[in-house]
């Protein structure tokens, strides 16, 4: 099956947002007398809004609701992005390069308001034919729901898609959907070895991700 679409993740692929998420959520937990556990950040990566808000409200902080956590944390993230967007090297060029090659989708664990804000500030909103937040599907990453929904909206089979991911849960999600995965690990939060083995190719950065590479790794 030829490549019919390319699907980007957002956090850790187009923007270096995980450190911002971690800083904001750590401070939020600390300000409310909560406890940040050694595996908290790894657990949070890939969770949908409902999932991470429930986790913070239930496991880390007392006396808050998941709805309150989600609203307040997302509001702080929006303010941070408005001030300074942590764009990764080659992000805009990679999106434009691959948009000329195949239709683009995006499957992100970020809430819808942040997806739209980031793509708008990058100036690439119109290049994505379908974008999905995992808050809009039943289950977040590593489950395949987000990627399957993007493929359906693009009207292409999952097996015809190449996904670009950085995290363990993201790689597992795209692979579980039946997609070919190009991994671009982030040094601060490298994927687990078993997850990385699911990727068809491991790239050092977005500049390596060309139409030629996408076509060559697709299975």
N, C-alpha and C. Protein backbone atom coordinates (compact mmCIF):
# COMPACT_ATOMS: atom_id res chain seq x y z
N UNK A 1 0.84 -1.20 0.00
CA UNK A 1 0.00 0.00 0.00
C UNK A 1 0.88 1.25 0.00
N UNK A 2 0.66 2.17 -0.92
CA UNK A 2 1.47 3.40 -0.94
C UNK A 2 1.11 4.31 0.22
N UNK A 3 2.00 5.25 0.52
CA UNK A 3 1.71 6.25 1.56
C UNK A 3 0.56 7.13 1.08
N UNK A 4 -0.45 7.25 1.93
CA UNK A 4 -1.60 8.08 1.57
C UNK A 4 -1.74 9.32 2.45
N UNK A 5 -1.07 9.33 3.61
CA UNK A 5 -1.14 10.49 4.49
C UNK A 5 0.01 10.44 5.48
N UNK A 6 0.38 11.61 5.98
CA UNK A 6 1.39 11.72 7.03
C UNK A 6 0.72 12.38 8.23
N UNK A 7 0.90 11.78 9.40
CA UNK A 7 0.24 12.28 10.61
C UNK A 7 1.28 12.65 11.65
N UNK A 8 1.26 13.90 12.05
CA UNK A 8 2.18 14.42 13.05
C UNK A 8 1.58 14.30 14.45
N UNK A 9 2.44 14.03 15.42
CA UNK A 9 2.15 14.38 16.81
C UNK A 9 2.51 15.86 16.96
N UNK A 10 2.12 16.46 18.07
CA UNK A 10 2.42 17.88 18.30
C UNK A 10 3.50 18.05 19.37
N UNK A 11 3.18 17.64 20.59
CA UNK A 11 4.10 17.83 21.71
C UNK A 11 5.32 16.93 21.57
N UNK A 12 6.50 17.54 21.54
CA UNK A 12 7.73 16.77 21.40
C UNK A 12 8.14 16.53 19.97
N UNK A 13 7.27 16.85 19.02
CA UNK A 13 7.59 16.69 17.60
C UNK A 13 7.69 18.06 16.92
N UNK A 14 6.64 18.86 17.03
CA UNK A 14 6.67 20.20 16.45
C UNK A 14 7.06 21.27 17.47
N UNK A 15 6.71 21.06 18.73
CA UNK A 15 7.10 22.00 19.77
C UNK A 15 7.69 21.23 20.96
N UNK A 16 8.65 21.86 21.60
CA UNK A 16 9.31 21.25 22.76
C UNK A 16 8.50 21.59 24.00
N UNK A 17 7.32 21.03 24.08
CA UNK A 17 6.35 21.43 25.09
C UNK A 17 6.40 20.61 26.36
N UNK A 18 6.97 19.40 26.31
CA UNK A 18 6.96 18.57 27.52
C UNK A 18 7.61 19.27 28.71
N UNK A 19 8.76 19.97 28.54
CA UNK A 19 9.30 20.69 29.70
C UNK A 19 8.36 21.76 30.24
N UNK A 20 7.60 22.39 29.35
CA UNK A 20 6.65 23.42 29.78
C UNK A 20 5.50 22.77 30.54
N UNK A 21 4.95 21.69 29.97
CA UNK A 21 3.88 20.96 30.66
C UNK A 21 4.35 20.52 32.04
N UNK A 22 5.56 19.96 32.10
CA UNK A 22 6.06 19.46 33.38
C UNK A 22 6.22 20.60 34.39
N UNK A 23 6.78 21.71 33.94
CA UNK A 23 6.99 22.85 34.84
C UNK A 23 5.66 23.38 35.36
N UNK A 24 4.69 23.54 34.46
CA UNK A 24 3.39 24.09 34.85
C UNK A 24 2.66 23.13 35.79
N UNK A 25 2.66 21.83 35.46
CA UNK A 25 1.92 20.89 36.30
C UNK A 25 2.62 20.64 37.64
N UNK A 26 3.96 20.60 37.61
CA UNK A 26 4.70 20.46 38.88
C UNK A 26 4.38 21.62 39.82
N UNK A 27 4.43 22.84 39.29
CA UNK A 27 4.15 24.02 40.10
C UNK A 27 2.71 24.01 40.60
N UNK A 28 1.80 23.57 39.75
CA UNK A 28 0.40 23.50 40.13
C UNK A 28 0.20 22.54 41.30
N UNK A 29 0.83 21.37 41.20
CA UNK A 29 0.73 20.37 42.27
C UNK A 29 1.38 20.91 43.55
N UNK A 30 2.56 21.51 43.43
CA UNK A 30 3.27 22.03 44.60
C UNK A 30 2.49 23.14 45.28
N UNK A 31 1.90 24.03 44.49
CA UNK A 31 1.15 25.16 45.05
C UNK A 31 -0.05 24.71 45.87
N UNK A 32 -0.54 23.50 45.57
CA UNK A 32 -1.71 22.98 46.28
C UNK A 32 -1.35 21.90 47.29
N UNK A 33 -0.06 21.85 47.65
CA UNK A 33 0.38 20.93 48.68
C UNK A 33 0.37 19.48 48.26
N UNK A 34 0.43 19.24 46.96
CA UNK A 34 0.40 17.86 46.47
C UNK A 34 1.78 17.24 46.42
N UNK A 35 1.85 16.06 45.86
CA UNK A 35 3.10 15.32 45.79
C UNK A 35 3.34 14.86 44.35
N UNK A 36 4.50 15.20 43.83
CA UNK A 36 4.91 14.80 42.48
C UNK A 36 5.74 13.53 42.60
N UNK A 37 5.32 12.45 41.98
CA UNK A 37 5.96 11.15 42.14
C UNK A 37 7.06 10.95 41.09
N UNK A 38 8.01 10.06 41.33
CA UNK A 38 9.12 9.87 40.39
C UNK A 38 8.69 9.51 38.97
N UNK A 39 7.57 8.80 38.82
CA UNK A 39 7.15 8.37 37.49
C UNK A 39 6.02 9.23 36.92
N UNK A 40 5.72 10.34 37.59
CA UNK A 40 4.56 11.14 37.19
C UNK A 40 4.67 11.64 35.76
N UNK A 41 5.79 12.25 35.39
CA UNK A 41 5.90 12.84 34.05
C UNK A 41 5.76 11.78 32.97
N UNK A 42 6.40 10.63 33.16
CA UNK A 42 6.29 9.57 32.15
C UNK A 42 4.85 9.08 32.03
N UNK A 43 4.15 8.99 33.15
CA UNK A 43 2.76 8.55 33.12
C UNK A 43 1.87 9.55 32.40
N UNK A 44 2.17 10.83 32.57
CA UNK A 44 1.32 11.87 31.99
C UNK A 44 1.45 11.97 30.47
N UNK A 45 2.60 11.59 29.93
CA UNK A 45 2.83 11.77 28.49
C UNK A 45 1.88 10.88 27.69
N UNK A 46 1.05 11.53 26.87
CA UNK A 46 0.10 10.80 26.05
C UNK A 46 -1.30 10.76 26.61
N UNK A 47 -1.46 11.04 27.92
CA UNK A 47 -2.80 11.03 28.49
C UNK A 47 -3.67 12.12 27.88
N UNK A 48 -4.96 11.83 27.75
CA UNK A 48 -5.90 12.86 27.33
C UNK A 48 -6.11 13.86 28.46
N UNK A 49 -6.77 14.96 28.16
CA UNK A 49 -7.03 15.97 29.18
C UNK A 49 -7.79 15.38 30.37
N UNK A 50 -8.85 14.63 30.08
CA UNK A 50 -9.63 14.03 31.16
C UNK A 50 -8.78 13.09 32.00
N UNK A 51 -7.89 12.34 31.34
CA UNK A 51 -7.08 11.35 32.05
C UNK A 51 -6.06 12.02 32.97
N UNK A 52 -5.31 13.01 32.44
CA UNK A 52 -4.28 13.61 33.32
C UNK A 52 -4.89 14.48 34.40
N UNK A 53 -6.00 15.13 34.10
CA UNK A 53 -6.64 15.95 35.12
C UNK A 53 -7.18 15.07 36.26
N UNK A 54 -7.75 13.94 35.91
CA UNK A 54 -8.24 13.00 36.92
C UNK A 54 -7.08 12.44 37.74
N UNK A 55 -5.97 12.14 37.08
CA UNK A 55 -4.80 11.61 37.78
C UNK A 55 -4.27 12.63 38.78
N UNK A 56 -4.11 13.89 38.37
CA UNK A 56 -3.62 14.91 39.29
C UNK A 56 -4.58 15.10 40.45
N UNK A 57 -5.88 15.17 40.15
CA UNK A 57 -6.87 15.44 41.19
C UNK A 57 -7.05 14.27 42.15
N UNK A 58 -6.83 13.06 41.66
CA UNK A 58 -7.07 11.86 42.48
C UNK A 58 -5.82 11.38 43.19
N UNK A 59 -4.69 11.37 42.48
CA UNK A 59 -3.48 10.75 43.01
C UNK A 59 -2.46 11.73 43.61
N UNK A 60 -2.49 12.99 43.16
CA UNK A 60 -1.43 13.91 43.56
C UNK A 60 -1.88 15.05 44.46
N UNK A 61 -3.13 15.47 44.33
CA UNK A 61 -3.62 16.64 45.05
C UNK A 61 -4.92 16.28 45.76
N UNK A 62 -5.13 16.87 46.93
CA UNK A 62 -6.40 16.70 47.65
C UNK A 62 -7.23 17.98 47.53
N UNK A 63 -8.54 17.81 47.48
CA UNK A 63 -9.43 18.95 47.56
C UNK A 63 -9.69 19.70 46.28
N UNK A 64 -9.38 19.11 45.12
CA UNK A 64 -9.71 19.75 43.84
C UNK A 64 -10.43 18.74 42.95
N UNK A 65 -11.19 19.25 42.02
CA UNK A 65 -11.85 18.37 41.05
C UNK A 65 -11.01 18.30 39.77
N UNK A 66 -11.23 17.24 39.01
CA UNK A 66 -10.53 17.10 37.74
C UNK A 66 -10.86 18.27 36.81
N UNK A 67 -12.10 18.72 36.83
CA UNK A 67 -12.51 19.84 35.97
C UNK A 67 -11.74 21.10 36.32
N UNK A 68 -11.57 21.35 37.62
CA UNK A 68 -10.81 22.53 38.07
C UNK A 68 -9.35 22.42 37.65
N UNK A 69 -8.76 21.24 37.81
CA UNK A 69 -7.37 21.03 37.43
C UNK A 69 -7.18 21.31 35.94
N UNK A 70 -8.04 20.71 35.12
CA UNK A 70 -7.91 20.88 33.68
C UNK A 70 -8.01 22.34 33.28
N UNK A 71 -9.01 23.04 33.79
CA UNK A 71 -9.22 24.44 33.42
C UNK A 71 -8.02 25.30 33.79
N UNK A 72 -7.54 25.13 35.02
CA UNK A 72 -6.48 26.01 35.51
C UNK A 72 -5.13 25.71 34.87
N UNK A 73 -4.82 24.43 34.66
CA UNK A 73 -3.54 24.08 34.03
C UNK A 73 -3.54 24.51 32.57
N UNK A 74 -4.60 24.24 31.84
CA UNK A 74 -4.66 24.61 30.43
C UNK A 74 -4.60 26.13 30.27
N UNK A 75 -5.24 26.87 31.17
CA UNK A 75 -5.15 28.33 31.11
C UNK A 75 -3.71 28.80 31.28
N UNK A 76 -2.97 28.18 32.18
CA UNK A 76 -1.56 28.55 32.35
C UNK A 76 -0.73 28.18 31.12
N UNK A 77 -1.01 27.04 30.52
CA UNK A 77 -0.30 26.64 29.31
C UNK A 77 -0.58 27.62 28.17
N UNK A 78 -1.83 28.04 28.05
CA UNK A 78 -2.19 28.99 27.00
C UNK A 78 -1.42 30.30 27.17
N UNK A 79 -1.31 30.76 28.40
CA UNK A 79 -0.56 32.00 28.67
C UNK A 79 0.91 31.84 28.32
N UNK A 80 1.49 30.68 28.63
CA UNK A 80 2.89 30.44 28.30
C UNK A 80 3.11 30.43 26.79
N UNK A 81 2.23 29.78 26.05
CA UNK A 81 2.37 29.71 24.60
C UNK A 81 2.18 31.07 23.94
N UNK A 82 1.28 31.88 24.50
CA UNK A 82 1.08 33.21 23.94
C UNK A 82 2.33 34.06 24.12
N UNK A 83 3.04 33.84 25.22
CA UNK A 83 4.26 34.60 25.50
C UNK A 83 5.42 34.11 24.66
N UNK A 84 5.63 32.79 24.62
CA UNK A 84 6.74 32.21 23.87
C UNK A 84 6.40 30.78 23.49
N UNK A 85 6.39 30.51 22.19
CA UNK A 85 6.09 29.17 21.70
C UNK A 85 7.39 28.40 21.50
N UNK A 86 7.57 27.26 22.17
CA UNK A 86 8.83 26.52 22.10
C UNK A 86 8.94 25.65 20.85
N UNK A 87 9.06 26.29 19.70
CA UNK A 87 9.07 25.57 18.42
C UNK A 87 10.38 24.80 18.27
N UNK A 88 10.27 23.56 17.83
CA UNK A 88 11.46 22.75 17.61
C UNK A 88 12.09 23.07 16.25
N UNK A 89 13.41 22.92 16.12
CA UNK A 89 14.08 23.24 14.86
C UNK A 89 13.50 22.44 13.70
N UNK A 90 13.22 23.16 12.61
CA UNK A 90 12.74 22.51 11.40
C UNK A 90 11.27 22.19 11.37
N UNK A 91 10.51 22.62 12.39
CA UNK A 91 9.10 22.22 12.48
C UNK A 91 8.27 22.77 11.32
N UNK A 92 8.31 24.07 11.13
CA UNK A 92 7.48 24.66 10.07
C UNK A 92 7.91 24.14 8.71
N UNK A 93 9.21 24.05 8.47
CA UNK A 93 9.69 23.57 7.17
C UNK A 93 9.26 22.13 6.92
N UNK A 94 9.30 21.28 7.96
CA UNK A 94 8.90 19.88 7.79
C UNK A 94 7.42 19.78 7.43
N UNK A 95 6.60 20.56 8.11
CA UNK A 95 5.16 20.54 7.81
C UNK A 95 4.92 20.98 6.37
N UNK A 96 5.55 22.05 5.95
CA UNK A 96 5.33 22.55 4.59
C UNK A 96 5.88 21.55 3.55
N UNK A 97 7.01 20.96 3.83
CA UNK A 97 7.63 19.99 2.91
C UNK A 97 6.72 18.77 2.72
N UNK A 98 6.20 18.25 3.82
CA UNK A 98 5.39 17.04 3.71
C UNK A 98 3.97 17.33 3.23
N UNK A 99 3.50 18.56 3.44
CA UNK A 99 2.18 18.93 2.93
C UNK A 99 2.15 18.95 1.41
N UNK A 100 3.30 19.19 0.81
CA UNK A 100 3.38 19.16 -0.66
C UNK A 100 3.42 17.72 -1.19
N UNK A 101 3.69 16.79 -0.29
CA UNK A 101 3.84 15.38 -0.67
C UNK A 101 2.55 14.58 -0.49
N UNK A 102 1.94 14.70 0.69
CA UNK A 102 0.73 13.95 0.99
C UNK A 102 -0.16 14.77 1.94
N UNK A 103 -1.45 14.43 2.03
CA UNK A 103 -2.32 15.10 3.02
C UNK A 103 -1.78 14.89 4.43
N UNK A 104 -1.95 15.93 5.25
CA UNK A 104 -1.45 15.88 6.62
C UNK A 104 -2.58 15.78 7.63
N UNK A 105 -2.30 15.02 8.70
CA UNK A 105 -3.17 14.99 9.86
C UNK A 105 -2.34 15.24 11.11
N UNK A 106 -3.03 15.41 12.22
CA UNK A 106 -2.34 15.60 13.49
C UNK A 106 -3.14 14.90 14.58
N UNK A 107 -2.43 14.10 15.40
CA UNK A 107 -3.05 13.41 16.53
C UNK A 107 -2.28 13.81 17.78
N UNK A 108 -2.92 14.58 18.64
CA UNK A 108 -2.21 15.17 19.78
C UNK A 108 -2.95 14.90 21.08
N UNK A 109 -2.17 14.78 22.15
CA UNK A 109 -2.75 14.69 23.49
C UNK A 109 -3.08 16.06 24.06
N UNK A 110 -2.66 17.12 23.40
CA UNK A 110 -2.99 18.47 23.87
C UNK A 110 -4.48 18.75 23.68
N UNK A 111 -5.03 19.61 24.52
CA UNK A 111 -6.43 20.01 24.33
C UNK A 111 -6.59 20.82 23.05
N UNK A 112 -7.81 20.82 22.56
CA UNK A 112 -8.11 21.50 21.28
C UNK A 112 -7.66 22.95 21.27
N UNK A 113 -7.88 23.68 22.34
CA UNK A 113 -7.53 25.10 22.36
C UNK A 113 -6.04 25.32 22.15
N UNK A 114 -5.20 24.41 22.67
CA UNK A 114 -3.76 24.55 22.50
C UNK A 114 -3.31 24.10 21.11
N UNK A 115 -3.93 23.06 20.57
CA UNK A 115 -3.62 22.64 19.19
C UNK A 115 -3.86 23.79 18.23
N UNK A 116 -5.02 24.40 18.33
CA UNK A 116 -5.36 25.49 17.40
C UNK A 116 -4.45 26.69 17.60
N UNK A 117 -4.10 26.98 18.85
CA UNK A 117 -3.20 28.09 19.13
C UNK A 117 -1.83 27.86 18.52
N UNK A 118 -1.27 26.67 18.73
CA UNK A 118 0.07 26.37 18.22
C UNK A 118 0.12 26.39 16.70
N UNK A 119 -0.81 25.70 16.06
CA UNK A 119 -0.80 25.65 14.60
C UNK A 119 -1.03 27.04 14.01
N UNK A 120 -1.84 27.83 14.67
CA UNK A 120 -2.07 29.20 14.21
C UNK A 120 -0.81 30.05 14.32
N UNK A 121 -0.11 29.95 15.45
CA UNK A 121 1.10 30.75 15.63
C UNK A 121 2.22 30.28 14.70
N UNK A 122 2.22 28.99 14.35
CA UNK A 122 3.20 28.48 13.38
C UNK A 122 2.84 28.87 11.95
N UNK A 123 1.60 29.25 11.73
CA UNK A 123 1.15 29.61 10.39
C UNK A 123 0.89 28.43 9.47
N UNK A 124 0.56 27.28 10.07
CA UNK A 124 0.39 26.07 9.24
C UNK A 124 -0.99 25.42 9.41
N UNK A 125 -1.92 26.11 10.04
CA UNK A 125 -3.24 25.51 10.28
C UNK A 125 -3.89 24.97 9.02
N UNK A 126 -3.78 25.74 7.93
CA UNK A 126 -4.47 25.37 6.69
C UNK A 126 -3.84 24.16 6.01
N UNK A 127 -2.64 23.75 6.44
CA UNK A 127 -1.97 22.62 5.81
C UNK A 127 -2.41 21.28 6.38
N UNK A 128 -3.12 21.30 7.49
CA UNK A 128 -3.61 20.06 8.10
C UNK A 128 -5.07 19.83 7.72
N UNK A 129 -5.33 18.71 7.07
CA UNK A 129 -6.70 18.41 6.65
C UNK A 129 -7.54 17.84 7.78
N UNK A 130 -6.90 17.29 8.81
CA UNK A 130 -7.62 16.76 9.96
C UNK A 130 -6.73 16.83 11.18
N UNK A 131 -7.29 17.32 12.28
CA UNK A 131 -6.56 17.35 13.55
C UNK A 131 -7.47 16.79 14.63
N UNK A 132 -6.89 16.01 15.53
CA UNK A 132 -7.66 15.38 16.59
C UNK A 132 -6.93 15.55 17.92
N UNK A 133 -7.66 15.97 18.92
CA UNK A 133 -7.17 15.96 20.29
C UNK A 133 -7.69 14.71 20.97
N UNK A 134 -6.86 14.10 21.80
CA UNK A 134 -7.34 12.90 22.47
C UNK A 134 -8.44 13.20 23.48
N UNK A 135 -8.70 14.48 23.78
CA UNK A 135 -9.86 14.80 24.60
C UNK A 135 -11.16 14.60 23.80
N UNK A 136 -11.02 14.42 22.48
CA UNK A 136 -12.19 14.23 21.62
C UNK A 136 -12.48 12.77 21.32
N UNK A 137 -11.67 11.87 21.86
CA UNK A 137 -11.88 10.43 21.65
C UNK A 137 -11.99 9.75 23.01
N UNK A 138 -12.32 8.46 22.99
CA UNK A 138 -12.58 7.76 24.25
C UNK A 138 -11.32 7.55 25.08
N UNK A 139 -10.21 7.24 24.41
CA UNK A 139 -9.00 6.87 25.14
C UNK A 139 -7.79 7.59 24.57
N UNK A 140 -6.89 8.04 25.47
CA UNK A 140 -5.66 8.69 25.04
C UNK A 140 -4.59 7.68 24.67
N UNK A 141 -3.45 8.19 24.27
CA UNK A 141 -2.31 7.34 23.95
C UNK A 141 -1.85 6.63 25.23
N UNK A 142 -1.46 5.37 25.18
CA UNK A 142 -1.02 4.57 24.03
C UNK A 142 -2.11 3.85 23.26
N UNK A 143 -3.38 4.07 23.61
CA UNK A 143 -4.45 3.47 22.82
C UNK A 143 -4.50 4.14 21.44
N UNK A 144 -5.02 3.44 20.44
CA UNK A 144 -4.94 3.96 19.06
C UNK A 144 -6.04 4.92 18.65
N UNK A 145 -6.95 5.26 19.57
CA UNK A 145 -8.17 5.98 19.19
C UNK A 145 -7.91 7.26 18.41
N UNK A 146 -6.97 8.08 18.88
CA UNK A 146 -6.70 9.35 18.21
C UNK A 146 -6.22 9.16 16.79
N UNK A 147 -5.29 8.25 16.59
CA UNK A 147 -4.76 8.02 15.25
C UNK A 147 -5.82 7.42 14.33
N UNK A 148 -6.62 6.51 14.84
CA UNK A 148 -7.68 5.93 14.02
C UNK A 148 -8.70 6.99 13.60
N UNK A 149 -8.98 7.92 14.50
CA UNK A 149 -9.94 8.98 14.18
C UNK A 149 -9.40 9.92 13.11
N UNK A 150 -8.12 10.27 13.20
CA UNK A 150 -7.50 11.11 12.17
C UNK A 150 -7.58 10.42 10.81
N UNK A 151 -7.22 9.15 10.76
CA UNK A 151 -7.27 8.41 9.49
C UNK A 151 -8.68 8.41 8.92
N UNK A 152 -9.66 8.20 9.79
CA UNK A 152 -11.05 8.20 9.32
C UNK A 152 -11.46 9.55 8.76
N UNK A 153 -11.03 10.62 9.42
CA UNK A 153 -11.37 11.96 8.94
C UNK A 153 -10.66 12.29 7.64
N UNK A 154 -9.48 11.73 7.46
CA UNK A 154 -8.75 11.91 6.20
C UNK A 154 -9.28 11.00 5.10
N UNK A 155 -10.10 10.03 5.51
CA UNK A 155 -10.67 9.04 4.58
C UNK A 155 -9.58 8.20 3.92
N UNK A 156 -8.61 7.78 4.75
CA UNK A 156 -7.55 6.90 4.28
C UNK A 156 -7.43 5.74 5.27
N UNK A 157 -7.00 4.57 4.83
CA UNK A 157 -6.82 3.46 5.76
C UNK A 157 -5.62 3.70 6.67
N UNK A 158 -5.68 3.28 7.92
CA UNK A 158 -4.54 3.48 8.82
C UNK A 158 -3.24 2.91 8.28
N UNK A 159 -3.33 1.80 7.56
CA UNK A 159 -2.13 1.19 7.00
C UNK A 159 -1.47 2.02 5.92
N UNK A 160 -2.16 3.03 5.43
CA UNK A 160 -1.58 3.92 4.43
C UNK A 160 -0.97 5.17 5.03
N UNK A 161 -0.90 5.23 6.37
CA UNK A 161 -0.42 6.43 7.05
C UNK A 161 0.97 6.22 7.66
N UNK A 162 1.76 7.26 7.63
CA UNK A 162 3.03 7.30 8.35
C UNK A 162 2.89 8.33 9.45
N UNK A 163 3.16 7.91 10.69
CA UNK A 163 3.04 8.79 11.85
C UNK A 163 4.43 9.22 12.31
N UNK A 164 4.52 10.44 12.80
CA UNK A 164 5.78 10.98 13.33
C UNK A 164 5.59 11.24 14.81
N UNK A 165 6.34 10.52 15.63
CA UNK A 165 6.14 10.52 17.08
C UNK A 165 7.46 10.64 17.83
N UNK A 166 7.35 10.96 19.13
CA UNK A 166 8.55 11.09 19.95
C UNK A 166 8.53 10.23 21.20
N UNK A 167 7.37 9.95 21.75
CA UNK A 167 7.28 9.32 23.07
C UNK A 167 6.90 7.85 22.99
N UNK A 168 7.13 7.15 24.08
CA UNK A 168 6.74 5.74 24.15
C UNK A 168 5.25 5.57 23.87
N UNK A 169 4.42 6.33 24.58
CA UNK A 169 2.98 6.17 24.41
C UNK A 169 2.52 6.58 23.01
N UNK A 170 3.15 7.60 22.45
CA UNK A 170 2.79 8.01 21.10
C UNK A 170 3.15 6.97 20.06
N UNK A 171 4.35 6.42 20.17
CA UNK A 171 4.77 5.36 19.24
C UNK A 171 3.85 4.17 19.35
N UNK A 172 3.55 3.77 20.57
CA UNK A 172 2.67 2.62 20.77
C UNK A 172 1.28 2.87 20.21
N UNK A 173 0.80 4.10 20.36
CA UNK A 173 -0.52 4.46 19.86
C UNK A 173 -0.60 4.34 18.34
N UNK A 174 0.36 4.96 17.65
CA UNK A 174 0.35 4.92 16.18
C UNK A 174 0.56 3.50 15.67
N UNK A 175 1.44 2.77 16.31
CA UNK A 175 1.70 1.38 15.89
C UNK A 175 0.45 0.52 16.11
N UNK A 176 -0.24 0.72 17.24
CA UNK A 176 -1.45 -0.04 17.51
C UNK A 176 -2.55 0.27 16.50
N UNK A 177 -2.50 1.47 15.92
CA UNK A 177 -3.48 1.84 14.89
C UNK A 177 -3.15 1.21 13.54
N UNK A 178 -1.99 0.58 13.44
CA UNK A 178 -1.59 -0.05 12.19
C UNK A 178 -0.79 0.84 11.27
N UNK A 179 -0.22 1.91 11.82
CA UNK A 179 0.53 2.86 11.01
C UNK A 179 2.03 2.59 11.09
N UNK A 180 2.75 3.00 10.07
CA UNK A 180 4.21 3.02 10.10
C UNK A 180 4.65 4.22 10.92
N UNK A 181 5.64 4.05 11.77
CA UNK A 181 6.04 5.12 12.69
C UNK A 181 7.49 5.53 12.45
N UNK A 182 7.69 6.84 12.31
CA UNK A 182 9.02 7.44 12.36
C UNK A 182 9.15 8.07 13.74
N UNK A 183 10.15 7.64 14.50
CA UNK A 183 10.36 8.17 15.84
C UNK A 183 11.44 9.25 15.81
N UNK A 184 11.17 10.34 16.53
CA UNK A 184 12.18 11.39 16.74
C UNK A 184 12.27 11.58 18.25
N UNK A 185 13.10 10.80 18.92
CA UNK A 185 13.15 10.84 20.39
C UNK A 185 13.63 12.19 20.90
N UNK A 186 13.05 12.60 22.03
CA UNK A 186 13.53 13.78 22.73
C UNK A 186 14.49 13.32 23.83
N UNK A 187 15.68 13.91 23.90
CA UNK A 187 16.68 13.45 24.87
C UNK A 187 16.21 13.47 26.32
N UNK A 188 15.37 14.43 26.67
CA UNK A 188 14.94 14.55 28.07
C UNK A 188 14.00 13.42 28.47
N UNK A 189 13.24 12.92 27.49
CA UNK A 189 12.28 11.84 27.77
C UNK A 189 12.35 10.81 26.65
N UNK A 190 13.44 10.06 26.57
CA UNK A 190 13.58 9.09 25.48
C UNK A 190 12.56 7.96 25.61
N UNK A 191 12.11 7.43 24.48
CA UNK A 191 11.16 6.32 24.53
C UNK A 191 11.79 5.08 25.16
N UNK A 192 10.96 4.25 25.74
CA UNK A 192 11.42 2.97 26.26
C UNK A 192 11.93 2.11 25.09
N UNK A 193 12.94 1.29 25.32
CA UNK A 193 13.49 0.48 24.23
C UNK A 193 12.45 -0.37 23.51
N UNK A 194 11.51 -0.95 24.24
CA UNK A 194 10.50 -1.79 23.59
C UNK A 194 9.58 -0.97 22.69
N UNK A 195 9.30 0.28 23.09
CA UNK A 195 8.49 1.15 22.24
C UNK A 195 9.27 1.58 21.01
N UNK A 196 10.54 1.92 21.19
CA UNK A 196 11.35 2.39 20.07
C UNK A 196 11.50 1.30 19.01
N UNK A 197 11.50 0.05 19.43
CA UNK A 197 11.61 -1.04 18.46
C UNK A 197 10.39 -1.14 17.54
N UNK A 198 9.30 -0.51 17.92
CA UNK A 198 8.10 -0.53 17.08
C UNK A 198 8.21 0.45 15.91
N UNK A 199 9.14 1.37 15.99
CA UNK A 199 9.31 2.38 14.93
C UNK A 199 10.04 1.78 13.74
N UNK A 200 9.62 2.17 12.56
CA UNK A 200 10.28 1.72 11.33
C UNK A 200 11.58 2.46 11.11
N UNK A 201 11.70 3.66 11.68
CA UNK A 201 12.91 4.46 11.51
C UNK A 201 13.04 5.40 12.69
N UNK A 202 14.26 5.61 13.16
CA UNK A 202 14.53 6.57 14.23
C UNK A 202 15.35 7.71 13.64
N UNK A 203 14.79 8.92 13.65
CA UNK A 203 15.44 10.09 13.07
C UNK A 203 16.02 10.96 14.17
N UNK A 204 17.05 11.72 13.82
CA UNK A 204 17.68 12.61 14.77
C UNK A 204 17.01 13.97 14.87
N UNK A 205 16.13 14.28 13.93
CA UNK A 205 15.45 15.57 13.94
C UNK A 205 14.51 15.68 12.75
N UNK A 206 13.73 16.74 12.73
CA UNK A 206 12.74 16.92 11.67
C UNK A 206 13.37 17.15 10.31
N UNK A 207 14.58 17.68 10.27
CA UNK A 207 15.22 17.94 8.98
C UNK A 207 15.45 16.64 8.20
N UNK A 208 15.52 15.52 8.90
CA UNK A 208 15.71 14.23 8.23
C UNK A 208 14.43 13.69 7.60
N UNK A 209 13.29 14.23 8.03
CA UNK A 209 12.01 13.67 7.61
C UNK A 209 11.59 14.31 6.29
N UNK A 210 11.92 13.63 5.21
CA UNK A 210 11.63 14.08 3.86
C UNK A 210 10.62 13.13 3.21
N UNK A 211 10.01 13.55 2.11
CA UNK A 211 9.15 12.62 1.39
C UNK A 211 9.86 11.33 1.00
N UNK A 212 11.12 11.43 0.67
CA UNK A 212 11.88 10.24 0.28
C UNK A 212 12.01 9.27 1.46
N UNK A 213 12.29 9.81 2.65
CA UNK A 213 12.38 8.96 3.82
C UNK A 213 11.04 8.32 4.13
N UNK A 214 9.99 9.10 4.12
CA UNK A 214 8.64 8.60 4.42
C UNK A 214 8.29 7.45 3.48
N UNK A 215 8.56 7.62 2.20
CA UNK A 215 8.24 6.57 1.23
C UNK A 215 9.09 5.32 1.45
N UNK A 216 10.34 5.51 1.84
CA UNK A 216 11.25 4.37 1.98
C UNK A 216 10.96 3.51 3.20
N UNK A 217 10.42 4.12 4.27
CA UNK A 217 10.20 3.35 5.50
C UNK A 217 8.81 2.76 5.57
N UNK A 218 7.91 3.21 4.72
CA UNK A 218 6.52 2.73 4.81
C UNK A 218 6.44 1.26 4.46
N UNK A 219 5.74 0.53 5.30
CA UNK A 219 5.62 -0.92 5.11
C UNK A 219 4.27 -1.28 4.55
